[in-house]
Amino acid sequence: MAVATSERARAWMLPVSVPGIVIGGVGLLGLGLLAGLAVDPSALVGTSGYLFGAGLLLAVGLYGSTYSIDLEAVRSDVPGVVAAVTLGVVLKAALIAGVMVLSFGRPEYLVLGIAVAQIDPLSVAALSRSGRMSPRARSLLTAWASFDDPMTVLLTLYVASYAYTKAGYAGTPAVAGGGARGYVTGLALNAALLAGVLLLWWAGRRVAAKVSASPRARRAGAASAGLLVVAMLVLAAGNMLMLAVAVAGLVVRTAAFGKALDRAVGGAFLAAFLALGLFLAQGVSLLTGFVLGVAAFGAQAVVALGVMPLFVRGLERRDWIALGLSQQNGITAVLIALTLERDFPGTVATVGPAVVTVNLLYGTSHVLLAHPPSLRRRRGHRELDADDERPSPCEKPPVREPLANGRSPA
C-alpha cells in the first residue's frame, strides 16, 4: 500500500524539479515588489548607468548560456539548430508580434513579441533531468535555448529603431539606432570585439603551452583568462555588442571558469528578478501580458511541430510534443524588458506577467502530458498484473467441447 501511494504521488509531481535558484528568484521578486512600493525606480531608467547595468547582466547571461553548450552533442543536428535559431526565431517573433499588434494596435509592441521569442536556457537545464525526452531531443532543445538568446537580443536591439519611429517617438532609441547604418556598424563592432578577444585568447594559450605547468603558472593563466572575459563583458555591455559575447562563449572556455561562471549567471538571474520586482510594483498590464504569454507559448508549438520536422528527422512523437510545449521565459526576457524600459515605458509591466503566464502554461501542459485526465483510473481501482487478468463480463465464456462419452468436462 505504501509503495502504491508513493508511486501515485510521484505521478502527480511536476515532471521537472524546481531549481533552488528559481525559488530564490521568486523570493527576490517579492522583495523587489515590497521595495518598489517604497521607492520609485523610474528615475534610474534615465541615468547613464542603468543601460550599462542591464547590458552587463544580459552579457553575463548570454556568455553563460553558450559556454555551457555541449558542441559534440549537437553536431548531428546542426541543420536543425541553425533552422531553429534563425528561421525559428524570426518566425516566432513575427507570430507573437503580429498577435500583439493586431490585438492592441500599437506598433511598439513589435519589440514585445521579439523579447519573449527565446527559450530560457536556465529553465531548460532543469528540464534536462526529465526522462520524458530522448537524449537527442534534450540536446537539440538545449542548443536551441542557448543559441536563440543572442539572435533574439539582436532582433530586439535593431527592430527597436523601427518600432520607436512607428510609435511616434522622435530621434532614435538608446539601445540601438541609425537604422541600416546602425545595424552595419553594430555588426562591425561585434566582429572587432570578437576578433580581439579570440586573438588574445589564442596568444595566451600559446604562451601557456611554452611555460612551465606549475600550479602558480596555471593560476596566473586562469586569472589572465578571467580578466579577458571580464573586459569583454564590460565592453559589450557598454556598446550592446551581444553577438560577440555569444560567439566567444563557444570558444573562450577553460575548466577554471566553471564555478565562477555558474555563480555569475546565478547572480545575474537573481539581480534581474529583484529589478523586475521594483518595476512591477509600479503597475502591471495583466491583460496585455497574458495575451503576450499565450502568443509566445503558441508560437513555439507552431514552429516546433510545423517547421522543425522539415530539418530534423528520426525523433519520436513524444519528443515532438515535448518540443512543442517547451516554451519557457526567464532571465533573457526579463533583462531585455529592463533594457527596453528606458525607450518603451511599460515594457516591464507587460513582459513580467507574460513570463509568469508562459511558465504557468509550461508547467500545466507538462503535468497534463505526464498524467492526462482522460486516462485517470477510478479511485479504489488498482492496475491488474498479467496474472490477475479477468475476462470482461461482456465477453462470452469459451465453448467447452464434449467428451467422447457425451459428458461435459467438469
Protein backbone atom coordinates (compact mmCIF):
# COMPACT_ATOMS: atom_id res chain seq x y z
CA MET A 1 0.00 0.00 0.00
CA ALA A 2 2.81 2.40 0.89
CA VAL A 3 4.58 1.63 -2.39
CA ALA A 4 1.41 2.27 -4.41
CA THR A 5 0.80 5.54 -2.58
CA SER A 6 4.35 6.77 -3.24
CA GLU A 7 4.04 5.84 -6.92
CA ARG A 8 0.79 7.78 -7.25
CA ALA A 9 2.40 10.76 -5.50
CA ARG A 10 5.36 10.68 -7.86
CA ALA A 11 2.99 10.51 -10.83
CA TRP A 12 1.42 13.82 -9.82
CA MET A 13 4.68 15.61 -9.14
CA LEU A 14 5.92 18.14 -11.67
CA PRO A 15 7.91 16.41 -14.42
CA VAL A 16 10.92 18.55 -13.53
CA SER A 17 12.22 19.61 -10.17
CA VAL A 18 12.19 23.28 -9.30
CA PRO A 19 15.78 24.54 -9.05
CA GLY A 20 16.72 26.39 -5.89
CA ILE A 21 17.72 29.43 -7.92
CA VAL A 22 14.14 29.73 -9.19
CA ILE A 23 12.87 29.77 -5.62
CA GLY A 24 15.45 32.44 -4.85
CA GLY A 25 14.30 34.41 -7.88
CA VAL A 26 10.71 34.28 -6.70
CA GLY A 27 11.80 35.43 -3.25
CA LEU A 28 13.78 38.36 -4.65
CA LEU A 29 10.89 39.22 -6.95
CA GLY A 30 8.70 39.58 -3.87
CA LEU A 31 11.39 41.59 -2.11
CA GLY A 32 11.64 43.84 -5.14
CA LEU A 33 7.87 44.34 -5.10
CA LEU A 34 8.00 45.43 -1.47
CA ALA A 35 10.93 47.76 -2.11
CA GLY A 36 9.23 49.18 -5.20
CA LEU A 37 6.24 50.21 -3.12
CA ALA A 38 8.53 52.47 -1.10
CA VAL A 39 10.95 53.63 -3.81
CA ASP A 40 10.12 54.64 -7.36
CA PRO A 41 12.81 53.16 -9.65
CA SER A 42 11.68 55.10 -12.73
CA ALA A 43 14.29 57.78 -12.01
CA LEU A 44 17.02 55.17 -12.54
CA VAL A 45 15.89 54.50 -16.10
CA GLY A 46 17.13 57.88 -17.29
CA THR A 47 20.62 57.51 -15.85
CA SER A 48 23.65 56.54 -17.92
CA GLY A 49 24.49 53.67 -15.60
CA TYR A 50 21.10 51.99 -15.98
CA LEU A 51 21.59 50.81 -19.55
CA PHE A 52 25.11 49.62 -18.77
CA GLY A 53 23.95 47.65 -15.74
CA ALA A 54 21.15 45.95 -17.66
CA GLY A 55 23.53 45.24 -20.55
CA LEU A 56 26.12 43.73 -18.20
CA LEU A 57 23.58 41.34 -16.71
CA LEU A 58 22.45 40.39 -20.20
CA ALA A 59 26.02 39.81 -21.39
CA VAL A 60 26.74 37.54 -18.42
CA GLY A 61 23.60 35.51 -19.13
CA LEU A 62 24.39 35.12 -22.82
CA TYR A 63 28.01 34.11 -22.25
CA GLY A 64 26.92 31.57 -19.68
CA SER A 65 24.31 30.04 -21.99
CA THR A 66 26.63 29.49 -24.97
CA TYR A 67 29.56 28.48 -22.74
CA SER A 68 27.53 25.53 -21.40
CA ILE A 69 26.66 24.03 -24.80
CA ASP A 70 27.99 20.54 -25.46
CA LEU A 71 29.26 21.00 -29.01
CA GLU A 72 29.75 17.29 -29.59
CA ALA A 73 26.13 16.53 -28.71
CA VAL A 74 24.63 18.88 -31.29
CA ARG A 75 26.80 18.06 -34.30
CA SER A 76 24.32 15.53 -35.65
CA ASP A 77 21.51 18.09 -35.56
CA VAL A 78 23.37 21.17 -36.76
CA PRO A 79 20.84 21.85 -39.58
CA GLY A 80 18.01 21.71 -37.07
CA VAL A 81 19.77 24.00 -34.60
CA VAL A 82 20.59 26.51 -37.35
CA ALA A 83 16.98 26.45 -38.56
CA ALA A 84 15.67 26.88 -35.01
CA VAL A 85 17.82 29.89 -34.13
CA THR A 86 17.38 31.64 -37.48
CA LEU A 87 14.13 30.80 -39.23
CA GLY A 88 12.54 29.61 -36.00
CA VAL A 89 13.36 32.73 -34.00
CA VAL A 90 12.24 35.07 -36.78
CA LEU A 91 9.01 33.15 -37.35
CA LYS A 92 8.21 33.01 -33.63
CA ALA A 93 8.92 36.71 -33.22
CA ALA A 94 6.74 37.54 -36.25
CA LEU A 95 3.84 35.42 -34.97
CA ILE A 96 3.97 36.90 -31.47
CA ALA A 97 4.42 40.48 -32.69
CA GLY A 98 1.60 40.01 -35.19
CA VAL A 99 -0.79 38.87 -32.48
CA MET A 100 0.17 41.79 -30.24
CA VAL A 101 -0.09 44.48 -32.94
CA LEU A 102 -3.37 43.12 -34.29
CA SER A 103 -4.82 42.74 -30.79
CA PHE A 104 -3.86 46.17 -29.45
CA GLY A 105 -2.96 48.27 -32.49
CA ARG A 106 0.30 49.59 -31.02
CA PRO A 107 3.39 49.33 -33.26
CA GLU A 108 5.78 49.49 -30.31
CA TYR A 109 4.52 46.05 -29.34
CA LEU A 110 6.76 44.67 -32.09
CA VAL A 111 9.63 44.63 -29.60
CA LEU A 112 7.49 42.83 -27.03
CA GLY A 113 6.99 39.94 -29.41
CA ILE A 114 10.71 39.62 -30.03
CA ALA A 115 11.61 39.98 -26.35
CA VAL A 116 9.81 36.76 -25.39
CA ALA A 117 10.57 34.71 -28.51
CA GLN A 118 13.54 32.91 -26.97
CA ILE A 119 13.59 29.85 -24.69
CA ASP A 120 15.21 30.36 -21.29
CA PRO A 121 18.35 28.16 -21.01
CA LEU A 122 18.23 28.11 -17.19
CA SER A 123 14.79 26.54 -17.22
CA VAL A 124 15.86 24.08 -19.89
CA ALA A 125 18.67 22.98 -17.59
CA ALA A 126 16.02 21.77 -15.16
CA LEU A 127 14.09 20.07 -17.97
CA SER A 128 17.19 18.08 -18.96
CA ARG A 129 16.66 15.87 -15.91
CA SER A 130 13.29 14.73 -17.19
CA GLY A 131 13.05 11.23 -18.64
CA ARG A 132 10.22 12.20 -20.98
CA MET A 133 12.55 13.34 -23.74
CA SER A 134 15.19 11.31 -25.52
CA PRO A 135 18.84 12.40 -25.08
CA ARG A 136 18.89 13.61 -28.67
CA ALA A 137 15.78 15.77 -28.18
CA ARG A 138 17.17 17.20 -24.94
CA SER A 139 20.43 18.06 -26.70
CA LEU A 140 18.52 19.77 -29.52
CA LEU A 141 16.43 21.79 -27.07
CA THR A 142 19.49 22.81 -25.05
CA ALA A 143 21.28 24.10 -28.15
CA TRP A 144 18.10 25.82 -29.32
CA ALA A 145 17.66 27.58 -25.97
CA SER A 146 21.30 28.65 -25.83
CA PHE A 147 21.70 29.94 -29.38
CA ASP A 148 18.36 31.71 -29.75
CA ASP A 149 19.20 34.15 -26.94
CA PRO A 150 21.76 36.20 -28.92
CA MET A 151 19.58 36.07 -32.04
CA THR A 152 16.62 37.40 -30.07
CA VAL A 153 18.75 40.11 -28.50
CA LEU A 154 19.99 41.23 -31.91
CA LEU A 155 16.48 41.32 -33.33
CA THR A 156 15.23 43.28 -30.34
CA LEU A 157 18.01 45.85 -30.42
CA TYR A 158 17.79 46.53 -34.13
CA VAL A 159 13.99 46.30 -34.57
CA ALA A 160 13.71 48.76 -31.69
CA SER A 161 14.61 51.60 -34.07
CA TYR A 162 11.75 50.74 -36.42
CA ALA A 163 9.22 50.30 -33.61
CA TYR A 164 10.42 53.51 -31.94
CA THR A 165 9.80 55.53 -35.10
CA LYS A 166 6.44 53.88 -35.85
CA ALA A 167 5.28 54.62 -32.30
CA GLY A 168 5.77 58.33 -32.98
CA TYR A 169 8.84 58.94 -30.83
CA ALA A 170 11.42 61.46 -32.05
CA GLY A 171 15.05 60.53 -32.57
CA THR A 172 16.43 57.03 -32.04
CA PRO A 173 16.21 54.66 -29.05
CA ALA A 174 19.09 54.41 -26.63
CA VAL A 175 19.53 50.65 -27.10
CA ALA A 176 20.05 50.89 -30.87
CA GLY A 177 19.93 53.47 -33.56
CA GLY A 178 20.92 54.54 -37.01
CA GLY A 179 18.67 52.14 -38.96
CA ALA A 180 20.58 50.13 -41.56
CA ARG A 181 23.72 52.14 -40.86
CA GLY A 182 23.49 51.38 -37.16
CA TYR A 183 22.96 47.69 -37.92
CA VAL A 184 26.07 47.51 -40.09
CA THR A 185 28.07 49.49 -37.55
CA GLY A 186 26.93 47.17 -34.80
CA LEU A 187 27.97 44.08 -36.76
CA ALA A 188 31.38 45.62 -37.45
CA LEU A 189 31.91 46.45 -33.77
CA ASN A 190 30.82 42.94 -32.77
CA ALA A 191 33.30 41.47 -35.25
CA ALA A 192 36.10 43.72 -33.98
CA LEU A 193 35.48 42.84 -30.34
CA LEU A 194 35.25 39.14 -31.13
CA ALA A 195 38.44 39.21 -33.20
CA GLY A 196 40.36 40.98 -30.44
CA VAL A 197 39.17 38.54 -27.77
CA LEU A 198 39.96 35.46 -29.87
CA LEU A 199 43.39 36.82 -30.77
CA LEU A 200 44.28 37.44 -27.13
CA TRP A 201 42.85 34.05 -26.15
CA TRP A 202 44.93 32.27 -28.80
CA ALA A 203 48.08 34.17 -27.82
CA GLY A 204 47.52 33.36 -24.16
CA ARG A 205 47.18 29.67 -24.89
CA ARG A 206 50.38 29.69 -26.95
CA VAL A 207 52.26 31.32 -24.10
CA ALA A 208 50.79 28.88 -21.58
CA ALA A 209 51.94 25.93 -23.70
CA LYS A 210 55.53 27.16 -23.59
CA VAL A 211 55.84 27.99 -19.90
CA SER A 212 56.03 25.51 -17.05
CA ALA A 213 52.88 23.76 -15.87
CA SER A 214 53.41 24.66 -12.22
CA PRO A 215 50.35 25.48 -10.04
CA ARG A 216 51.47 29.10 -9.89
CA ALA A 217 51.62 29.35 -13.69
CA ARG A 218 48.20 27.74 -14.02
CA ARG A 219 46.69 30.19 -11.55
CA ALA A 220 48.25 33.09 -13.43
CA GLY A 221 46.86 31.78 -16.71
CA ALA A 222 43.37 31.34 -15.27
CA ALA A 223 43.48 34.84 -13.81
CA SER A 224 44.51 36.30 -17.17
CA ALA A 225 41.74 34.44 -18.97
CA GLY A 226 39.25 35.65 -16.39
CA LEU A 227 40.35 39.26 -16.86
CA LEU A 228 39.95 38.86 -20.61
CA VAL A 229 36.37 37.66 -20.22
CA VAL A 230 35.52 40.41 -17.74
CA ALA A 231 36.93 43.06 -20.08
CA MET A 232 34.91 41.61 -22.97
CA LEU A 233 31.69 41.67 -20.92
CA VAL A 234 32.27 45.26 -19.83
CA LEU A 235 32.96 46.44 -23.40
CA ALA A 236 29.96 44.51 -24.71
CA ALA A 237 27.66 45.95 -22.04
CA GLY A 238 28.78 49.50 -22.78
CA ASN A 239 28.10 49.14 -26.51
CA MET A 240 25.46 46.37 -26.64
CA LEU A 241 27.77 44.01 -28.55
CA MET A 242 25.95 40.83 -27.58
CA LEU A 243 26.73 38.79 -30.69
CA ALA A 244 30.44 38.87 -29.90
CA VAL A 245 29.75 37.66 -26.36
CA ALA A 246 27.59 34.76 -27.56
CA VAL A 247 30.12 33.53 -30.12
CA ALA A 248 33.01 33.93 -27.68
CA GLY A 249 31.21 31.57 -25.29
CA LEU A 250 31.71 28.77 -27.83
CA VAL A 251 35.49 29.25 -27.98
CA VAL A 252 36.79 31.02 -24.87
CA ARG A 253 36.48 28.12 -22.45
CA THR A 254 38.54 26.72 -19.62
CA ALA A 255 37.76 24.46 -16.70
CA ALA A 256 38.72 27.25 -14.31
CA PHE A 257 35.63 29.24 -15.38
CA GLY A 258 33.08 26.65 -14.32
CA LYS A 259 32.21 27.56 -10.74
CA ALA A 260 32.80 31.28 -11.15
CA LEU A 261 30.59 31.43 -14.23
CA ASP A 262 27.82 29.49 -12.52
CA ARG A 263 27.86 32.00 -9.67
CA ALA A 264 27.89 34.93 -12.09
CA VAL A 265 24.95 33.62 -14.10
CA GLY A 266 23.06 32.84 -10.91
CA GLY A 267 23.78 36.33 -9.59
CA ALA A 268 22.56 37.88 -12.85
CA PHE A 269 19.37 35.81 -12.65
CA LEU A 270 18.66 36.91 -9.09
CA ALA A 271 19.53 40.55 -9.75
CA ALA A 272 17.24 40.57 -12.78
CA PHE A 273 14.27 39.36 -10.77
CA LEU A 274 14.97 41.83 -7.99
CA ALA A 275 14.93 44.65 -10.56
CA LEU A 276 11.81 43.18 -12.15
CA GLY A 277 10.02 43.35 -8.81
CA LEU A 278 10.99 47.01 -8.40
CA PHE A 279 9.33 47.91 -11.69
CA LEU A 280 6.31 45.63 -11.34
CA ALA A 281 5.48 47.40 -8.09
CA GLN A 282 4.73 50.48 -10.19
CA GLY A 283 1.96 48.62 -12.01
CA VAL A 284 1.33 45.66 -14.32
CA SER A 285 -0.55 45.24 -17.59
CA LEU A 286 -2.26 41.96 -16.84
CA LEU A 287 -4.35 41.59 -19.99
CA THR A 288 -1.54 42.63 -22.34
CA GLY A 289 0.94 40.40 -20.53
CA PHE A 290 -1.46 37.45 -20.60
CA VAL A 291 -2.01 37.77 -24.35
CA LEU A 292 1.75 38.10 -24.89
CA GLY A 293 2.43 34.97 -22.85
CA VAL A 294 -0.22 32.89 -24.63
CA ALA A 295 1.07 34.06 -28.01
CA ALA A 296 4.65 33.13 -27.10
CA PHE A 297 3.64 29.66 -25.92
CA GLY A 298 1.53 29.06 -29.04
CA ALA A 299 4.27 30.29 -31.38
CA GLN A 300 6.69 27.71 -30.00
CA ALA A 301 4.20 24.94 -30.74
CA VAL A 302 3.73 26.19 -34.31
CA VAL A 303 7.48 26.31 -35.02
CA ALA A 304 8.37 23.05 -33.26
CA LEU A 305 5.57 21.00 -34.82
CA GLY A 306 5.23 22.72 -38.18
CA VAL A 307 8.76 23.81 -39.15
CA MET A 308 11.36 21.77 -37.27
CA PRO A 309 10.31 18.35 -38.70
CA LEU A 310 11.46 19.66 -42.09
CA PHE A 311 15.05 19.88 -40.79
CA VAL A 312 15.24 17.15 -38.13
CA ARG A 313 14.43 13.52 -38.84
CA GLY A 314 14.02 10.50 -36.65
CA LEU A 315 12.54 11.95 -33.46
CA GLU A 316 9.68 10.13 -31.80
CA ARG A 317 6.21 11.58 -31.46
CA ARG A 318 6.62 12.21 -27.74
CA ASP A 319 9.79 14.22 -28.43
CA TRP A 320 7.99 16.48 -30.89
CA ILE A 321 5.17 17.04 -28.43
CA ALA A 322 7.65 17.90 -25.69
CA LEU A 323 9.47 20.33 -28.00
CA GLY A 324 6.16 21.93 -28.91
CA LEU A 325 5.41 22.51 -25.22
CA SER A 326 8.93 23.67 -24.31
CA GLN A 327 8.48 27.45 -24.38
CA GLN A 328 9.89 28.94 -21.17
CA ASN A 329 10.90 32.51 -20.41
CA GLY A 330 13.23 33.81 -17.74
CA ILE A 331 16.43 35.79 -17.44
CA THR A 332 16.76 36.89 -21.08
CA ALA A 333 13.18 38.13 -21.39
CA VAL A 334 13.47 39.97 -18.06
CA LEU A 335 16.77 41.60 -18.99
CA ILE A 336 15.53 42.60 -22.44
CA ALA A 337 12.49 44.16 -20.80
CA LEU A 338 14.67 46.08 -18.34
CA THR A 339 16.86 47.25 -21.23
CA LEU A 340 13.87 48.43 -23.29
CA GLU A 341 12.11 50.15 -20.41
CA ARG A 342 14.08 53.34 -20.99
CA ASP A 343 12.84 53.72 -24.58
CA PHE A 344 9.48 51.98 -24.29
CA PRO A 345 7.91 52.77 -20.89
CA GLY A 346 5.66 49.99 -19.66
CA THR A 347 7.68 47.17 -21.20
CA VAL A 348 8.42 45.57 -17.84
CA ALA A 349 4.77 45.89 -16.79
CA THR A 350 3.82 43.76 -19.81
CA VAL A 351 6.72 41.30 -20.05
CA GLY A 352 6.58 40.47 -16.32
CA PRO A 353 3.05 38.96 -16.42
CA ALA A 354 3.90 37.35 -19.78
CA VAL A 355 6.85 35.47 -18.22
CA VAL A 356 4.59 34.22 -15.44
CA THR A 357 1.90 33.20 -17.96
CA VAL A 358 4.34 31.28 -20.17
CA ASN A 359 5.83 29.35 -17.26
CA LEU A 360 2.39 28.52 -15.84
CA LEU A 361 1.33 27.20 -19.24
CA TYR A 362 4.56 25.21 -19.46
CA GLY A 363 4.11 23.61 -16.05
CA THR A 364 0.41 22.87 -16.55
CA SER A 365 0.90 21.35 -20.00
CA HIS A 366 3.67 19.05 -18.78
CA VAL A 367 1.59 17.89 -15.82
CA LEU A 368 -1.28 17.06 -18.18
CA LEU A 369 1.14 15.40 -20.59
CA ALA A 370 2.52 13.25 -17.79
CA HIS A 371 -0.92 12.33 -16.45
CA PRO A 372 -3.75 13.02 -18.94
CA PRO A 373 -7.14 13.43 -17.19
CA SER A 374 -8.84 11.08 -19.66
CA LEU A 375 -6.53 8.25 -18.57
CA ARG A 376 -7.10 8.61 -14.87
CA ARG A 377 -8.34 5.47 -13.20
CA ARG A 378 -11.23 5.47 -10.85
CA ARG A 379 -10.34 5.84 -7.22
CA GLY A 380 -10.05 2.50 -5.49
CA HIS A 381 -9.25 0.55 -8.66
CA ARG A 382 -5.83 -0.97 -8.89
CA GLU A 383 -3.98 -1.87 -12.05
CA LEU A 384 -4.10 -5.61 -12.71
CA ASP A 385 -0.98 -7.62 -13.19
CA ALA A 386 -0.68 -10.05 -16.06
CA ASP A 387 -1.51 -12.97 -13.75
CA ASP A 388 -4.59 -11.19 -12.39
CA GLU A 389 -6.31 -10.54 -15.72
CA ARG A 390 -10.03 -11.38 -15.69
CA PRO A 391 -12.36 -11.66 -18.69
CA SER A 392 -14.77 -8.83 -19.31
CA PRO A 393 -18.37 -9.55 -18.21
CA CYS A 394 -19.41 -8.71 -21.78
CA GLU A 395 -17.28 -11.47 -23.21
CA LYS A 396 -18.87 -14.86 -23.83
CA PRO A 397 -17.39 -17.79 -21.90
CA PRO A 398 -15.43 -20.27 -24.03
CA VAL A 399 -17.39 -23.16 -25.53
CA ARG A 400 -16.46 -26.45 -23.94
CA GLU A 401 -16.00 -29.46 -26.22
CA PRO A 402 -18.00 -32.57 -25.19
CA LEU A 403 -16.09 -35.68 -24.26
CA ALA A 404 -16.20 -38.86 -26.25
CA ASN A 405 -18.80 -40.38 -23.87
CA GLY A 406 -21.08 -37.35 -24.34
CA ARG A 407 -20.37 -35.88 -20.93
CA SER A 408 -19.17 -32.33 -20.46
CA PRO A 409 -15.87 -31.76 -18.70
CA ALA A 410 -16.08 -30.83 -15.03
